[in-house]
Amino acid sequence: MKKPVLHNLWIMIFLLFLSLHCTKEDIGMKIDVRTFGSLQPNQPVNLYILENGKGMKAEIINYGGIVTSLYVPDRNGHVADVVLGYDDLDDYIKDSSYFGAIIGRYGNRIARGRFSLDGVDYQLATNNGPNHLHGGGKGFHKVLWMAEPLRATDAVGLELTYVSEDGEEGYPGRLKAIVTYWLTRDNELKIDYWAQTDKPTIVNLTQHSYFNLAGHGTGDILGHELKLNADRFTPVDETLIPTGELRSVKDTPMDFTRLTAIGARINADDMQLAYGLGYDHNWALNHEPGEPGLAARVHEPGSGRVMEVYTTEPGIQFYSGNFLDGSNVGKEGKVYNHRYGFCLEAQHFPDSPNQPEFPSVVLRPGETYQQRTIYRFL
């Protein structure tokens, strides 16, 4: 029996064991697994379905660690899928929008794909104009992760493991990364990140789901109301690389310190909005990194759905789906037009390896990279 088939058999046995040993409190909390396709005959891709018994369901594949669907009830209990994505594996393989994926080794941009560490210069791919973006041509969003279902007293989960070899996409060090998704009884999608390396390297992992709280493919997100717990942001140049400044949001279209419609000022005459073709910027969060602090709150008036984002990270990238143009035909044949989804990517700041004033992204042997981000639905 070939190893991937054997691995899938053990997963099936594990899930059966869980179903036979549920406590009364576990009723409704389920993990299921289905085949989603195959990269090669010996590389099956599985779909893991997590349900919390309170109306929420998360569907995740081990290719790219992608959240393919996230079902959330509205104010009346009606459930809708609130993330953009595809029905087929082939569409995810061809996708260049990073729908729902784990991003690494480095989320966001690095200027000219270059950085120096301990006196050694490194050159990465330049896959976003002159810059490096989201880990390169084959970042963590384009690899197959090992997957293990998990269960806790108040959550069901999926642990994903990937080993990035020394030199992969130009990054130094053999990096072992573990990303664990938890769907909790409190209607949270909780994401724990862990990594260790055998050589000094840089790490900045994040999650790249596009949200539309009215339901995917239902229209643009300009009427969603957003609040960011951030008094400053990192302005960028014309290639979306931070200038190094931490600028106050006061009296600018970047001020989301109060709940404000995303579309209220998105077309304002502002150089930062012109560079990003809308919002595609990092905000420096007010909380101290460590325990998860409230980073963002989003309200969709039509459905009444509310999403809060908590994170241990120092920054959050708010992207308003500016490059969606109708060429993405998603789940159920729905077309994703301009600004049909938004991203809130908890992370360290863009281009941190070249910005010594920014929080460090260096990971050394013997150290452990850890962060937690929580998407809570109310």
Foldseek 3Di string as FASTA:
>chain_A
DDDLVVLVVVQVVVQVVCVVPDDPLQPFWHKDKDWQQAPDPSGTKIWIWTTQNQFWIWIFIQQQRFGAWIWDAFPVGDIFTWWFFASHPVCLLVDPQQARGKFDQAAAKAAQQWFDDPRDIWHFDAPQVSIDHRQHPCTSNGHGWDWHWDDDSFWTKIKTWDWDDACRRGWGWTKIKIWMWIQGNQRKTKIKIKMATAFKTFGKIKTWIWGDPVHFLPDAQQQKWKAFQFQWWFAADLSRAGPLDTHGCPPHPVHRNDTDGQNPCQPPPDVSSVSQVGFFTKGFHPDAQDPWDWGMWIADVVRRKIKTKTKSARIWTKHQQQPQDQPDQHYPRRTQHGRSTITIIGIFHHNCSVRVVGPGRIHGHPDMDIMMMMIGMD
